[in-house]
Amino acid sequence: MSNMKNYINIDVADIDKKIYRVMTVERLLEMFETSQNVLVQPSLWDDPFENFLFNTPVLRKNGDEYISILRDRAYGQCWSLNIESDAMWRIYSPGKNGVKIQTTVRDLFNSLYRSVSEYPKISCFIGKVDYHSKSKLTSLAKEVRDNGGHIGGSFNQAKSLLMKRVAFKHEKEVRLIYLDPKNSTERNIYPYHFNPLLNVKSMTFDPRMNESLYRVYKKHIESLGFSGKIIQSGLYKELKLI
């Protein structure tokens, strides 16, 4: 089984903490229909500056430059330790058709680890994002360039995917990471078997969604066998004009 080396920037006391992800209702229903969770290559993430490691040429011993294959074999998914915020709904559910699902760090990691048949110990990771200034990230990129031959190892490669600009610190992001050990996947997504009935603990629908529509979705999801808590966020109902 895995050990704490697969948990990056995460203490033993934190592995059972709740984490959250906002997705569209359509994506949620697809998860139930296919029993799959889908990771994507970092090039598809929102912040293009995060690809600084991938876009930084590494120097070979003979002086030649090359681009790390990590950008072609890495897949990830972003979650948050934040329970709820106005920004979360507005950014990740602009169509007011979002739903926030909740699991734990351990359960999310185990869902990936147990689905991988080959080399899971060196291909499956989960970690909290470290936030740095842009200048710090730039210096880290230079360090990779100058010492590329010594960076190696899946742990360090996974850790390099857990760096983000300090402007995003409020997101308290946690990332699930898969590194294809054979670099054999040519797609920009990595779907794996995921049972939402076991791994999703509860869900909260967009506070701006029509209440009647929320009830329809709730009834349908319960009919699929989901027994966890389903509510609609009361975020804006709590605001009172004085």
Protein backbone atom coordinates (compact mmCIF):
# COMPACT_ATOMS: atom_id res chain seq x y z
CA MET A 1 0.00 0.00 0.00
CA SER A 2 0.94 3.66 -0.14
CA ASN A 3 2.86 5.49 2.55
CA MET A 4 3.16 9.13 3.55
CA LYS A 5 5.61 9.75 0.68
CA ASN A 6 2.58 9.74 -1.59
CA TYR A 7 1.12 12.61 0.48
CA ILE A 8 3.00 15.83 -0.26
CA ASN A 9 2.84 18.84 2.10
CA ILE A 10 0.24 16.87 4.08
CA ASP A 11 0.66 15.76 7.70
CA VAL A 12 -0.73 12.50 9.06
CA ALA A 13 -3.32 14.51 10.99
CA ASP A 14 -4.57 16.06 7.73
CA ILE A 15 -5.26 12.99 5.60
CA ASP A 16 -8.84 12.68 6.80
CA LYS A 17 -9.67 16.35 6.29
CA LYS A 18 -12.65 17.21 4.11
CA ILE A 19 -11.95 18.57 0.63
CA TYR A 20 -14.33 20.06 -1.90
CA ARG A 21 -14.69 20.43 -5.66
CA VAL A 22 -17.24 22.42 -7.66
CA MET A 23 -18.35 20.97 -10.98
CA THR A 24 -21.32 21.30 -13.31
CA VAL A 25 -24.33 19.11 -12.65
CA GLU A 26 -23.79 17.57 -16.10
CA ARG A 27 -20.27 16.49 -15.11
CA LEU A 28 -21.59 15.06 -11.83
CA LEU A 29 -24.24 12.99 -13.60
CA GLU A 30 -21.59 11.79 -16.05
CA MET A 31 -19.49 10.65 -13.08
CA PHE A 32 -22.42 8.58 -11.80
CA GLU A 33 -23.17 7.16 -15.25
CA THR A 34 -19.60 6.17 -16.14
CA SER A 35 -18.21 5.51 -12.62
CA GLN A 36 -15.15 7.50 -13.63
CA ASN A 37 -13.21 10.44 -12.30
CA VAL A 38 -11.26 12.38 -14.92
CA LEU A 39 -7.85 14.01 -14.40
CA VAL A 40 -6.48 16.46 -16.96
CA GLN A 41 -3.01 17.53 -18.06
CA PRO A 42 -1.73 20.67 -16.30
CA SER A 43 -1.71 22.53 -19.63
CA LEU A 44 -5.52 22.64 -19.28
CA TRP A 45 -5.43 24.23 -15.81
CA ASP A 46 -6.65 27.80 -15.39
CA ASP A 47 -3.37 29.53 -14.59
CA PRO A 48 -0.95 29.33 -17.56
CA PHE A 49 1.96 30.48 -15.41
CA GLU A 50 1.83 27.11 -13.64
CA ASN A 51 3.41 25.51 -16.68
CA PHE A 52 6.68 27.28 -15.97
CA LEU A 53 8.45 24.02 -15.15
CA PHE A 54 7.25 22.35 -18.33
CA ASN A 55 8.26 25.28 -20.52
CA THR A 56 11.72 25.67 -19.01
CA PRO A 57 14.39 23.87 -21.07
CA VAL A 58 16.64 21.56 -19.07
CA LEU A 59 20.33 21.40 -19.89
CA ARG A 60 21.90 18.01 -20.57
CA LYS A 61 25.50 17.41 -19.48
CA ASN A 62 26.66 18.00 -23.05
CA GLY A 63 24.98 21.41 -23.09
CA ASP A 64 21.99 20.45 -25.21
CA GLU A 65 18.55 21.62 -24.16
CA TYR A 66 15.43 19.52 -23.91
CA ILE A 67 11.90 19.90 -22.55
CA SER A 68 10.92 17.50 -19.78
CA ILE A 69 8.46 14.77 -20.79
CA LEU A 70 6.69 15.44 -17.47
CA ARG A 71 4.28 17.75 -19.24
CA ASP A 72 3.11 14.84 -21.39
CA ARG A 73 2.78 12.25 -18.63
CA ALA A 74 1.30 14.29 -15.79
CA TYR A 75 -2.41 14.50 -14.94
CA GLY A 76 -4.10 16.24 -12.07
CA GLN A 77 -7.31 17.45 -10.48
CA CYS A 78 -7.85 20.42 -8.19
CA TRP A 79 -9.81 20.36 -4.93
CA SER A 80 -10.01 22.81 -2.02
CA LEU A 81 -9.96 22.80 1.76
CA ASN A 82 -12.35 25.77 1.68
CA ILE A 83 -15.89 24.80 2.60
CA GLU A 84 -17.56 27.59 0.63
CA SER A 85 -17.14 31.10 -0.68
CA ASP A 86 -18.88 33.49 -3.03
CA ALA A 87 -15.82 33.42 -5.31
CA MET A 88 -15.91 29.62 -5.50
CA TRP A 89 -19.42 29.63 -6.94
CA ARG A 90 -18.86 32.54 -9.30
CA ILE A 91 -15.58 31.21 -10.73
CA TYR A 92 -16.38 27.51 -11.02
CA SER A 93 -20.13 27.71 -11.58
CA PRO A 94 -20.64 30.73 -13.84
CA GLY A 95 -23.77 29.17 -15.33
CA LYS A 96 -25.34 28.79 -11.86
CA ASN A 97 -25.57 25.05 -12.57
CA GLY A 98 -22.84 23.87 -10.24
CA VAL A 99 -22.67 21.35 -7.46
CA LYS A 100 -19.98 21.05 -4.80
CA ILE A 101 -18.99 17.52 -3.88
CA GLN A 102 -17.12 16.57 -0.72
CA THR A 103 -14.73 13.74 0.08
CA THR A 104 -11.56 13.41 2.18
CA VAL A 105 -7.90 13.58 1.25
CA ARG A 106 -7.47 9.89 2.07
CA ASP A 107 -10.54 8.68 0.18
CA LEU A 108 -9.70 10.67 -2.94
CA PHE A 109 -6.12 9.42 -2.99
CA ASN A 110 -7.15 5.81 -2.35
CA SER A 111 -9.67 5.95 -5.19
CA LEU A 112 -6.81 6.62 -7.61
CA TYR A 113 -4.19 4.42 -5.94
CA ARG A 114 -6.43 1.34 -5.93
CA SER A 115 -7.39 1.81 -9.57
CA VAL A 116 -3.79 1.78 -10.84
CA SER A 117 -2.53 -1.73 -11.50
CA GLU A 118 1.10 -0.89 -12.35
CA TYR A 119 3.54 1.08 -10.19
CA PRO A 120 0.99 2.99 -8.08
CA LYS A 121 3.64 3.90 -5.47
CA ILE A 122 5.55 6.01 -8.00
CA SER A 123 2.63 7.30 -10.03
CA CYS A 124 -0.09 8.36 -7.55
CA PHE A 125 0.21 11.42 -5.31
CA ILE A 126 -1.90 13.97 -3.50
CA GLY A 127 -0.69 17.21 -1.99
CA LYS A 128 -1.42 20.70 -0.77
CA VAL A 129 -0.30 23.51 -3.05
CA ASP A 130 2.59 25.76 -1.96
CA TYR A 131 2.13 29.43 -2.85
CA HIS A 132 5.08 31.58 -3.95
CA SER A 133 5.74 34.99 -5.44
CA LYS A 134 6.19 35.16 -9.19
CA SER A 135 9.89 35.90 -8.72
CA LYS A 136 10.27 32.81 -6.52
CA LEU A 137 8.56 30.63 -9.12
CA THR A 138 10.85 32.08 -11.78
CA SER A 139 13.93 31.23 -9.69
CA LEU A 140 12.61 27.70 -9.18
CA ALA A 141 12.29 27.38 -12.95
CA LYS A 142 15.91 28.48 -13.35
CA GLU A 143 16.94 25.93 -10.71
CA VAL A 144 15.24 23.21 -12.73
CA ARG A 145 17.05 24.39 -15.85
CA ASP A 146 20.49 24.45 -14.20
CA ASN A 147 20.08 21.24 -12.20
CA GLY A 148 17.70 19.29 -14.37
CA GLY A 149 19.82 16.18 -14.27
CA HIS A 150 19.50 16.03 -10.50
CA ILE A 151 15.79 16.82 -10.13
CA GLY A 152 14.47 13.34 -11.15
CA GLY A 153 12.19 11.06 -9.24
CA SER A 154 8.44 10.90 -9.26
CA PHE A 155 8.11 12.52 -5.83
CA ASN A 156 9.96 15.66 -6.92
CA GLN A 157 8.12 15.73 -10.23
CA ALA A 158 4.78 15.54 -8.42
CA LYS A 159 5.91 18.22 -5.96
CA SER A 160 6.72 20.52 -8.87
CA LEU A 161 3.03 20.42 -9.76
CA LEU A 162 2.12 21.81 -6.34
CA MET A 163 3.40 25.35 -6.82
CA LYS A 164 1.25 28.36 -7.56
CA ARG A 165 1.40 32.14 -7.40
CA VAL A 166 0.70 33.65 -3.97
CA ALA A 167 -2.28 35.56 -5.42
CA PHE A 168 -4.16 32.25 -5.38
CA LYS A 169 -3.36 31.41 -1.74
CA HIS A 170 -7.00 31.92 -0.70
CA GLU A 171 -7.95 28.82 -2.72
CA LYS A 172 -6.25 26.44 -0.22
CA GLU A 173 -5.86 23.99 -3.06
CA VAL A 174 -5.25 20.25 -2.85
CA ARG A 175 -4.26 18.36 -5.99
CA LEU A 176 -4.60 14.73 -6.96
CA ILE A 177 -1.76 13.78 -9.32
CA TYR A 178 -1.11 10.82 -11.59
CA LEU A 179 2.22 10.39 -13.41
CA ASP A 180 2.00 7.87 -16.23
CA PRO A 181 5.04 5.63 -15.50
CA LYS A 182 5.36 4.52 -19.12
CA ASN A 183 4.53 7.87 -20.73
CA SER A 184 2.17 5.89 -22.91
CA THR A 185 -1.00 7.97 -22.69
CA GLU A 186 -1.37 10.30 -25.65
CA ARG A 187 -4.64 11.84 -24.48
CA ASN A 188 -4.81 15.04 -22.45
CA ILE A 189 -7.15 13.40 -19.93
CA TYR A 190 -6.78 10.38 -17.65
CA PRO A 191 -10.08 8.76 -16.59
CA TYR A 192 -9.99 6.12 -13.86
CA HIS A 193 -12.59 3.98 -12.08
CA PHE A 194 -14.31 5.96 -9.35
CA ASN A 195 -17.42 4.95 -7.41
CA PRO A 196 -19.24 8.16 -6.40
CA LEU A 197 -21.59 6.21 -4.13
CA LEU A 198 -18.60 5.34 -1.95
CA ASN A 199 -16.24 8.26 -2.45
CA VAL A 200 -18.56 11.28 -2.54
CA LYS A 201 -19.70 11.92 1.02
CA SER A 202 -22.09 14.82 0.46
CA MET A 203 -23.04 17.41 -2.13
CA THR A 204 -24.23 21.00 -2.11
CA PHE A 205 -25.99 22.64 -5.05
CA ASP A 206 -25.41 26.19 -6.28
CA PRO A 207 -27.22 28.72 -4.06
CA ARG A 208 -28.37 30.60 -7.20
CA MET A 209 -29.98 27.55 -8.81
CA ASN A 210 -33.77 27.51 -9.19
CA GLU A 211 -35.06 25.66 -6.14
CA SER A 212 -37.45 23.49 -8.15
CA LEU A 213 -34.60 22.39 -10.42
CA TYR A 214 -32.48 21.57 -7.36
CA ARG A 215 -35.24 19.30 -6.04
CA VAL A 216 -35.42 17.45 -9.37
CA TYR A 217 -31.66 16.85 -9.33
CA LYS A 218 -31.73 15.76 -5.69
CA LYS A 219 -34.50 13.24 -6.30
CA HIS A 220 -32.70 11.83 -9.33
CA ILE A 221 -29.36 11.44 -7.54
CA GLU A 222 -31.06 9.74 -4.61
CA SER A 223 -32.71 7.34 -7.08
CA LEU A 224 -29.21 6.35 -8.23
CA GLY A 225 -28.51 5.02 -4.75
CA PHE A 226 -26.69 7.98 -3.22
CA SER A 227 -27.35 8.08 0.52
CA GLY A 228 -25.14 11.01 1.50
CA LYS A 229 -26.37 14.45 2.46
CA ILE A 230 -27.72 16.56 -0.41
CA ILE A 231 -28.57 20.23 0.20
CA GLN A 232 -28.74 23.53 -1.62
CA SER A 233 -26.33 26.17 -0.36
CA GLY A 234 -27.91 28.88 1.75
CA LEU A 235 -24.97 31.23 1.21
CA TYR A 236 -27.03 34.14 -0.06
CA LYS A 237 -30.13 33.41 2.01
CA GLU A 238 -28.05 34.21 5.08
CA LEU A 239 -27.49 37.80 3.91
CA LYS A 240 -29.94 40.18 5.51
CA LEU A 241 -30.48 43.79 4.55
CA ILE A 242 -30.42 46.20 7.47
